[in-house]
Protein backbone atom coordinates (compact mmCIF):
# COMPACT_ATOMS: atom_id res chain seq x y z
CA MET A 1 98.94 105.45 92.84
CA CYS A 2 96.78 105.37 95.64
CA ASP A 3 93.32 106.64 94.93
CA ILE A 4 91.20 105.70 98.31
CA THR A 5 89.00 108.80 99.55
CA ALA A 6 87.25 109.34 102.49
CA TYR A 7 84.35 110.22 103.52
CA LEU A 8 82.08 111.53 107.02
CA ILE A 9 78.78 110.96 107.19
CA LEU A 10 77.57 114.33 108.15
CA ASN A 11 73.17 114.68 108.59
CA GLY A 12 72.62 111.72 106.29
CA LEU A 13 75.03 112.76 103.30
CA GLU A 14 78.47 111.75 102.77
CA GLU A 15 80.54 114.73 102.89
CA LYS A 16 84.22 113.99 101.35
CA ILE A 17 87.81 114.56 103.53
CA LEU A 18 90.99 113.59 102.45
CA GLU A 19 91.66 112.53 98.87
CA ASN A 20 94.62 109.77 98.09
CA VAL A 21 94.99 108.35 101.60
CA ASP A 22 97.53 106.07 102.15
CA ILE A 23 98.00 106.20 106.58
CA VAL A 24 94.79 105.83 108.37
CA GLU A 25 96.33 105.75 112.04
CA GLU A 26 94.13 105.54 115.71
CA THR A 27 94.76 107.81 118.12
CA SER A 28 93.76 108.75 121.65
CA ASP A 29 91.75 111.54 119.94
CA GLY A 30 89.73 109.02 117.09
CA ILE A 31 91.41 109.37 113.96
CA ARG A 32 94.42 110.54 111.60
CA LEU A 33 94.58 109.87 107.43
CA ILE A 34 96.94 110.74 105.60
CA ASN A 35 97.82 110.78 102.26
CA ILE A 36 100.29 110.41 99.94
CA PHE A 37 101.40 113.76 99.25
CA GLY A 38 101.90 114.03 103.66
CA GLU A 39 98.36 116.04 103.96
CA GLN A 40 96.46 115.08 107.57
CA LYS A 41 92.97 115.31 108.89
CA SER A 42 91.77 114.16 112.00
CA ILE A 43 88.57 113.17 113.01
CA ARG A 44 86.69 111.92 116.18
CA ALA A 45 85.05 109.12 114.18
CA LYS A 46 84.82 105.28 113.81
CA ILE A 47 85.00 103.55 110.34
CA VAL A 48 81.89 102.52 109.00
CA ARG A 49 82.66 100.85 105.83
CA PHE A 50 85.89 100.62 103.71
CA ASN A 51 85.18 98.78 99.75
CA ASN A 52 88.62 98.72 98.21
CA SER A 53 87.22 98.19 94.62
CA GLU A 54 84.72 101.67 94.68
CA LYS A 55 88.16 103.30 96.41
CA LYS A 56 86.05 104.22 99.14
CA MET A 57 85.97 104.86 103.61
CA THR A 58 83.44 106.49 105.25
CA PHE A 59 83.48 107.62 108.38
CA LYS A 60 80.63 108.27 111.27
CA PRO A 61 81.09 111.01 113.93
CA THR A 62 81.33 109.10 117.15
CA ASN A 63 80.13 112.18 119.09
CA ALA A 64 77.82 115.24 117.61
CA GLN A 65 80.16 117.73 117.96
CA GLU A 66 82.02 116.41 115.44
CA THR A 67 85.35 118.71 113.74
CA ILE A 68 88.03 117.70 111.43
CA SER A 69 91.16 119.33 112.11
CA VAL A 70 93.88 119.94 109.36
CA ALA A 71 98.08 119.04 109.95
């Protein structure tokens, strides 16, 4: 089972945004994350780091008014 967890850096801290990430897609608005259960989150961010041994992806907002949407 895939157990990659996505985090967003907000105010210098890592905030968990989605667990069990399976698909990462670039969209016109940013990035869409989809997990193994079909849950989706879209973020206006860029990837900062992917560490497979830690099972962790870290993103940084691309603007000051970062929003996360759940589909």
